[in-house]
């Protein structure tokens, strides 16, 4: 029997939506394939109408709209607004929302997570993986992940900078991402939410 599972996401901007939307879908699918006793049909990530850089009320409204269709919703913020995702979750709980809301917060910026998997970049002609940290977990130590990402990504070709967020999101090794402590914490919380929902 197939049970549809729809994840939702509100993120800080379009590039984060492109990368994290793919990763959320792939990671949830991997968790259900590994841990479910039955077949779970995971739908593509639905993205909210509001970026999380907006005021908390608007972010809450976007989450509530997603909750009409989604089983769980990830709220992404980078380090400079780290507490916002938790505040949104607390506010929504006070409003009676029972849909799991899971903060998705890197130590610094989402771009660090794009730099975890050397192999995916090595497969792109013109990229420079030598500029990446030696170990996936070390991406959390990067002071400015965007600068490193610009140094790693190919400079020539027809792909825009934003296209790499899609490509890496679709192809990054999830086991490599799981070596990043902040990512691993999100996976653990997502797994618990899926158990609570009966999908695992």
C-alpha atoms as a PDB file:
ATOM      1  CA  UNK A   1       0.000   0.000   0.000  1.00  0.00           C
ATOM      2  CA  UNK A   2       1.320   3.420  -0.902  1.00  0.00           C
ATOM      3  CA  UNK A   3       0.973   6.335   1.528  1.00  0.00           C
ATOM      4  CA  UNK A   4       1.693   9.777   0.029  1.00  0.00           C
ATOM      5  CA  UNK A   5       4.001  11.950   2.113  1.00  0.00           C
ATOM      6  CA  UNK A   6       4.283  15.622   1.216  1.00  0.00           C
ATOM      7  CA  UNK A   7       7.163  17.677   2.688  1.00  0.00           C
ATOM      8  CA  UNK A   8       7.037  21.462   2.792  1.00  0.00           C
ATOM      9  CA  UNK A   9       9.744  24.109   2.956  1.00  0.00           C
ATOM     10  CA  UNK A  10      10.020  27.804   3.649  1.00  0.00           C
ATOM     11  CA  UNK A  11      13.512  29.143   3.013  1.00  0.00           C
ATOM     12  CA  UNK A  12      15.419  32.422   2.922  1.00  0.00           C
ATOM     13  CA  UNK A  13      15.627  32.860  -0.850  1.00  0.00           C
ATOM     14  CA  UNK A  14      15.312  31.222  -4.257  1.00  0.00           C
ATOM     15  CA  UNK A  15      18.737  29.548  -4.306  1.00  0.00           C
ATOM     16  CA  UNK A  16      18.135  28.034  -0.861  1.00  0.00           C
ATOM     17  CA  UNK A  17      14.744  26.799  -2.087  1.00  0.00           C
ATOM     18  CA  UNK A  18      16.401  25.183  -5.096  1.00  0.00           C
ATOM     19  CA  UNK A  19      19.077  23.366  -3.104  1.00  0.00           C
ATOM     20  CA  UNK A  20      17.119  22.523   0.037  1.00  0.00           C
ATOM     21  CA  UNK A  21      13.920  21.601  -1.791  1.00  0.00           C
ATOM     22  CA  UNK A  22      15.787  18.831  -3.607  1.00  0.00           C
ATOM     23  CA  UNK A  23      17.699  17.730  -0.505  1.00  0.00           C
ATOM     24  CA  UNK A  24      14.587  17.614   1.712  1.00  0.00           C
ATOM     25  CA  UNK A  25      12.780  15.439  -0.838  1.00  0.00           C
ATOM     26  CA  UNK A  26      15.754  13.113  -1.347  1.00  0.00           C
ATOM     27  CA  UNK A  27      16.535  12.769   2.364  1.00  0.00           C
ATOM     28  CA  UNK A  28      12.944  12.012   3.343  1.00  0.00           C
ATOM     29  CA  UNK A  29      12.688   9.493   0.526  1.00  0.00           C
ATOM     30  CA  UNK A  30      15.924   7.847   1.720  1.00  0.00           C
ATOM     31  CA  UNK A  31      14.657   7.701   5.315  1.00  0.00           C
ATOM     32  CA  UNK A  32      11.381   6.076   4.289  1.00  0.00           C
ATOM     33  CA  UNK A  33      13.065   3.609   1.921  1.00  0.00           C
ATOM     34  CA  UNK A  34      15.384   2.518   4.720  1.00  0.00           C
ATOM     35  CA  UNK A  35      13.073   2.620   7.713  1.00  0.00           C
ATOM     36  CA  UNK A  36       9.485   2.046   6.636  1.00  0.00           C
ATOM     37  CA  UNK A  37       7.716  -1.302   6.784  1.00  0.00           C
ATOM     38  CA  UNK A  38       5.607  -0.308   3.792  1.00  0.00           C
ATOM     39  CA  UNK A  39       6.067   1.610   0.565  1.00  0.00           C
ATOM     40  CA  UNK A  40       5.892   5.376   1.075  1.00  0.00           C
ATOM     41  CA  UNK A  41       5.332   7.579  -1.942  1.00  0.00           C
ATOM     42  CA  UNK A  42       7.232  10.806  -1.208  1.00  0.00           C
ATOM     43  CA  UNK A  43       6.070  13.828  -3.180  1.00  0.00           C
ATOM     44  CA  UNK A  44       8.370  16.631  -4.305  1.00  0.00           C
ATOM     45  CA  UNK A  45       8.904  19.342  -1.731  1.00  0.00           C
ATOM     46  CA  UNK A  46       6.241  22.054  -1.749  1.00  0.00           C
ATOM     47  CA  UNK A  47       7.758  25.506  -1.299  1.00  0.00           C
ATOM     48  CA  UNK A  48       5.998  28.256   0.641  1.00  0.00           C
ATOM     49  CA  UNK A  49       4.960  31.602  -0.755  1.00  0.00           C
ATOM     50  CA  UNK A  50       7.092  33.640   1.656  1.00  0.00           C
ATOM     51  CA  UNK A  51      10.814  33.785   2.345  1.00  0.00           C
ATOM     52  CA  UNK A  52      11.882  33.396   5.964  1.00  0.00           C
ATOM     53  CA  UNK A  53      13.682  36.741   5.883  1.00  0.00           C
ATOM     54  CA  UNK A  54      10.230  38.342   6.105  1.00  0.00           C
ATOM     55  CA  UNK A  55       8.557  39.151   9.417  1.00  0.00           C
ATOM     56  CA  UNK A  56       7.589  36.162  11.608  1.00  0.00           C
ATOM     57  CA  UNK A  57       3.838  36.622  11.104  1.00  0.00           C
ATOM     58  CA  UNK A  58       4.204  36.292   7.339  1.00  0.00           C
ATOM     59  CA  UNK A  59       6.432  33.244   7.764  1.00  0.00           C
ATOM     60  CA  UNK A  60       3.866  31.670  10.107  1.00  0.00           C
ATOM     61  CA  UNK A  61       1.135  32.329   7.552  1.00  0.00           C
ATOM     62  CA  UNK A  62       3.209  30.629   4.829  1.00  0.00           C
ATOM     63  CA  UNK A  63       3.698  27.588   7.077  1.00  0.00           C
ATOM     64  CA  UNK A  64      -0.017  27.438   7.872  1.00  0.00           C
ATOM     65  CA  UNK A  65      -0.813  27.512   4.153  1.00  0.00           C
ATOM     66  CA  UNK A  66       1.665  24.690   3.509  1.00  0.00           C
ATOM     67  CA  UNK A  67       0.198  22.695   6.407  1.00  0.00           C
ATOM     68  CA  UNK A  68      -3.044  22.368   4.449  1.00  0.00           C
ATOM     69  CA  UNK A  69      -1.237  20.012   2.029  1.00  0.00           C
ATOM     70  CA  UNK A  70       1.999  18.948   3.752  1.00  0.00           C
ATOM     71  CA  UNK A  71       2.747  16.322   6.406  1.00  0.00           C
ATOM     72  CA  UNK A  72       5.789  18.158   7.783  1.00  0.00           C
ATOM     73  CA  UNK A  73       7.357  21.531   7.095  1.00  0.00           C
ATOM     74  CA  UNK A  74      10.999  22.581   7.265  1.00  0.00           C
ATOM     75  CA  UNK A  75      11.726  26.188   8.205  1.00  0.00           C
ATOM     76  CA  UNK A  76      15.137  27.322   6.988  1.00  0.00           C
ATOM     77  CA  UNK A  77      17.202  30.195   8.338  1.00  0.00           C
ATOM     78  CA  UNK A  78      20.922  30.871   8.219  1.00  0.00           C
ATOM     79  CA  UNK A  79      22.971  31.652  11.324  1.00  0.00           C
ATOM     80  CA  UNK A  80      22.193  35.362  11.423  1.00  0.00           C
ATOM     81  CA  UNK A  81      18.509  34.568  12.043  1.00  0.00           C
ATOM     82  CA  UNK A  82      19.072  31.278  13.861  1.00  0.00           C
ATOM     83  CA  UNK A  83      16.371  31.833  16.480  1.00  0.00           C
ATOM     84  CA  UNK A  84      13.665  32.743  13.992  1.00  0.00           C
ATOM     85  CA  UNK A  85      12.850  29.160  12.973  1.00  0.00           C
ATOM     86  CA  UNK A  86      12.442  28.125  16.614  1.00  0.00           C
ATOM     87  CA  UNK A  87      10.308  31.206  17.327  1.00  0.00           C
ATOM     88  CA  UNK A  88       8.080  30.442  14.330  1.00  0.00           C
ATOM     89  CA  UNK A  89       7.676  26.847  15.506  1.00  0.00           C
ATOM     90  CA  UNK A  90       6.768  27.974  19.033  1.00  0.00           C
ATOM     91  CA  UNK A  91       4.271  30.517  17.723  1.00  0.00           C
ATOM     92  CA  UNK A  92       2.608  27.938  15.479  1.00  0.00           C
ATOM     93  CA  UNK A  93       2.347  25.470  18.370  1.00  0.00           C
ATOM     94  CA  UNK A  94       0.559  28.156  20.400  1.00  0.00           C
ATOM     95  CA  UNK A  95      -1.840  28.578  17.476  1.00  0.00           C
ATOM     96  CA  UNK A  96      -2.600  24.851  17.625  1.00  0.00           C
ATOM     97  CA  UNK A  97      -0.737  23.658  14.538  1.00  0.00           C
ATOM     98  CA  UNK A  98      -0.122  19.919  14.881  1.00  0.00           C
ATOM     99  CA  UNK A  99       1.856  19.494  11.663  1.00  0.00           C
ATOM    100  CA  UNK A 100       5.535  18.980  12.589  1.00  0.00           C
ATOM    101  CA  UNK A 101       7.627  22.103  11.964  1.00  0.00           C
ATOM    102  CA  UNK A 102      11.344  21.323  11.798  1.00  0.00           C
ATOM    103  CA  UNK A 103      14.041  24.017  11.879  1.00  0.00           C
ATOM    104  CA  UNK A 104      16.622  23.587   9.109  1.00  0.00           C
ATOM    105  CA  UNK A 105      19.522  25.781  10.195  1.00  0.00           C
ATOM    106  CA  UNK A 106      23.171  25.525   9.090  1.00  0.00           C
ATOM    107  CA  UNK A 107      25.915  26.734  11.430  1.00  0.00           C
ATOM    108  CA  UNK A 108      26.618  29.656   9.079  1.00  0.00           C
ATOM    109  CA  UNK A 109      25.071  29.569   5.604  1.00  0.00           C
ATOM    110  CA  UNK A 110      23.428  26.984   3.374  1.00  0.00           C
ATOM    111  CA  UNK A 111      26.233  27.411   0.835  1.00  0.00           C
ATOM    112  CA  UNK A 112      28.525  25.526   3.225  1.00  0.00           C
ATOM    113  CA  UNK A 113      26.440  22.399   2.692  1.00  0.00           C
ATOM    114  CA  UNK A 114      26.976  22.666  -1.071  1.00  0.00           C
ATOM    115  CA  UNK A 115      30.707  22.310  -0.356  1.00  0.00           C
ATOM    116  CA  UNK A 116      30.594  19.019   1.569  1.00  0.00           C
ATOM    117  CA  UNK A 117      30.878  16.523  -1.302  1.00  0.00           C
ATOM    118  CA  UNK A 118      34.113  16.767  -3.296  1.00  0.00           C
ATOM    119  CA  UNK A 119      33.069  13.983  -5.667  1.00  0.00           C
ATOM    120  CA  UNK A 120      29.994  15.799  -6.978  1.00  0.00           C
ATOM    121  CA  UNK A 121      32.109  18.872  -7.808  1.00  0.00           C
ATOM    122  CA  UNK A 122      34.931  16.801  -9.290  1.00  0.00           C
ATOM    123  CA  UNK A 123      32.444  15.613 -11.906  1.00  0.00           C
ATOM    124  CA  UNK A 124      31.870  19.161 -13.137  1.00  0.00           C
ATOM    125  CA  UNK A 125      34.349  20.361 -15.736  1.00  0.00           C
ATOM    126  CA  UNK A 126      36.020  23.590 -14.716  1.00  0.00           C
ATOM    127  CA  UNK A 127      35.316  23.283 -11.000  1.00  0.00           C
ATOM    128  CA  UNK A 128      38.098  23.509  -8.408  1.00  0.00           C
ATOM    129  CA  UNK A 129      37.368  21.066  -5.551  1.00  0.00           C
ATOM    130  CA  UNK A 130      40.842  21.737  -4.106  1.00  0.00           C
ATOM    131  CA  UNK A 131      39.360  24.905  -2.562  1.00  0.00           C
ATOM    132  CA  UNK A 132      36.965  22.788  -0.456  1.00  0.00           C
ATOM    133  CA  UNK A 133      37.619  21.677   3.138  1.00  0.00           C
ATOM    134  CA  UNK A 134      39.253  18.265   3.486  1.00  0.00           C
ATOM    135  CA  UNK A 135      36.422  16.801   5.591  1.00  0.00           C
ATOM    136  CA  UNK A 136      32.681  17.369   5.091  1.00  0.00           C
ATOM    137  CA  UNK A 137      32.168  18.425   8.723  1.00  0.00           C
ATOM    138  CA  UNK A 138      34.748  21.196   8.270  1.00  0.00           C
ATOM    139  CA  UNK A 139      32.394  23.176   6.022  1.00  0.00           C
ATOM    140  CA  UNK A 140      30.846  24.471   9.246  1.00  0.00           C
ATOM    141  CA  UNK A 141      34.129  26.264  10.004  1.00  0.00           C
ATOM    142  CA  UNK A 142      34.099  28.327   6.799  1.00  0.00           C
ATOM    143  CA  UNK A 143      33.778  32.026   7.621  1.00  0.00           C
ATOM    144  CA  UNK A 144      32.281  32.901   4.223  1.00  0.00           C
ATOM    145  CA  UNK A 145      30.942  29.820   2.400  1.00  0.00           C
ATOM    146  CA  UNK A 146      29.671  31.937  -0.514  1.00  0.00           C
ATOM    147  CA  UNK A 147      33.208  33.079  -1.356  1.00  0.00           C
ATOM    148  CA  UNK A 148      34.472  29.493  -1.274  1.00  0.00           C
ATOM    149  CA  UNK A 149      31.543  28.338  -3.418  1.00  0.00           C
ATOM    150  CA  UNK A 150      32.382  31.013  -5.989  1.00  0.00           C
ATOM    151  CA  UNK A 151      35.997  29.789  -6.015  1.00  0.00           C
ATOM    152  CA  UNK A 152      34.937  26.135  -6.450  1.00  0.00           C
ATOM    153  CA  UNK A 153      32.233  26.407  -9.095  1.00  0.00           C
ATOM    154  CA  UNK A 154      33.125  26.505 -12.806  1.00  0.00           C
ATOM    155  CA  UNK A 155      33.541  30.020 -14.172  1.00  0.00           C
ATOM    156  CA  UNK A 156      32.850  29.272 -17.816  1.00  0.00           C
ATOM    157  CA  UNK A 157      29.901  27.589 -19.446  1.00  0.00           C
ATOM    158  CA  UNK A 158      26.233  28.317 -19.737  1.00  0.00           C
ATOM    159  CA  UNK A 159      25.148  27.478 -16.196  1.00  0.00           C
ATOM    160  CA  UNK A 160      24.229  30.354 -13.955  1.00  0.00           C
ATOM    161  CA  UNK A 161      25.434  30.444 -10.349  1.00  0.00           C
ATOM    162  CA  UNK A 162      21.927  29.476  -9.221  1.00  0.00           C
ATOM    163  CA  UNK A 163      21.911  26.391 -11.477  1.00  0.00           C
ATOM    164  CA  UNK A 164      24.571  24.834  -9.263  1.00  0.00           C
ATOM    165  CA  UNK A 165      22.183  24.911  -6.308  1.00  0.00           C
ATOM    166  CA  UNK A 166      19.801  22.694  -8.297  1.00  0.00           C
ATOM    167  CA  UNK A 167      22.543  20.411  -9.561  1.00  0.00           C
ATOM    168  CA  UNK A 168      24.216  19.893  -6.191  1.00  0.00           C
ATOM    169  CA  UNK A 169      20.854  19.447  -4.464  1.00  0.00           C
ATOM    170  CA  UNK A 170      19.953  16.673  -6.901  1.00  0.00           C
ATOM    171  CA  UNK A 171      23.352  14.954  -6.809  1.00  0.00           C
ATOM    172  CA  UNK A 172      25.080  15.532  -3.467  1.00  0.00           C
ATOM    173  CA  UNK A 173      25.784  12.322  -1.546  1.00  0.00           C
ATOM    174  CA  UNK A 174      23.380  12.320   1.413  1.00  0.00           C
ATOM    175  CA  UNK A 175      25.786  10.197   3.479  1.00  0.00           C
ATOM    176  CA  UNK A 176      28.426  12.893   2.993  1.00  0.00           C
ATOM    177  CA  UNK A 177      25.964  15.608   4.045  1.00  0.00           C
ATOM    178  CA  UNK A 178      25.137  13.561   7.137  1.00  0.00           C
ATOM    179  CA  UNK A 179      28.750  14.033   8.310  1.00  0.00           C
ATOM    180  CA  UNK A 180      27.937  17.721   8.920  1.00  0.00           C
ATOM    181  CA  UNK A 181      26.676  18.013  12.514  1.00  0.00           C
ATOM    182  CA  UNK A 182      23.939  20.600  11.821  1.00  0.00           C
ATOM    183  CA  UNK A 183      22.644  18.533   8.905  1.00  0.00           C
ATOM    184  CA  UNK A 184      22.753  15.325  10.949  1.00  0.00           C
ATOM    185  CA  UNK A 185      20.723  17.052  13.694  1.00  0.00           C
ATOM    186  CA  UNK A 186      18.070  18.026  11.132  1.00  0.00           C
ATOM    187  CA  UNK A 187      17.955  14.451   9.797  1.00  0.00           C
ATOM    188  CA  UNK A 188      17.505  13.051  13.327  1.00  0.00           C
ATOM    189  CA  UNK A 189      14.649  15.452  14.080  1.00  0.00           C
ATOM    190  CA  UNK A 190      13.030  14.694  10.721  1.00  0.00           C
ATOM    191  CA  UNK A 191      13.288  10.969  11.380  1.00  0.00           C
ATOM    192  CA  UNK A 192      11.551  11.403  14.745  1.00  0.00           C
ATOM    193  CA  UNK A 193       8.790  13.432  13.092  1.00  0.00           C
ATOM    194  CA  UNK A 194       8.275  10.727  10.471  1.00  0.00           C
ATOM    195  CA  UNK A 195       8.006   8.119  13.230  1.00  0.00           C
ATOM    196  CA  UNK A 196       5.418  10.256  14.998  1.00  0.00           C
ATOM    197  CA  UNK A 197       3.439  10.529  11.780  1.00  0.00           C
ATOM    198  CA  UNK A 198       3.511   6.749  11.273  1.00  0.00           C
ATOM    199  CA  UNK A 199       5.641   6.808   8.129  1.00  0.00           C
ATOM    200  CA  UNK A 200       8.535   4.984   9.844  1.00  0.00           C
END
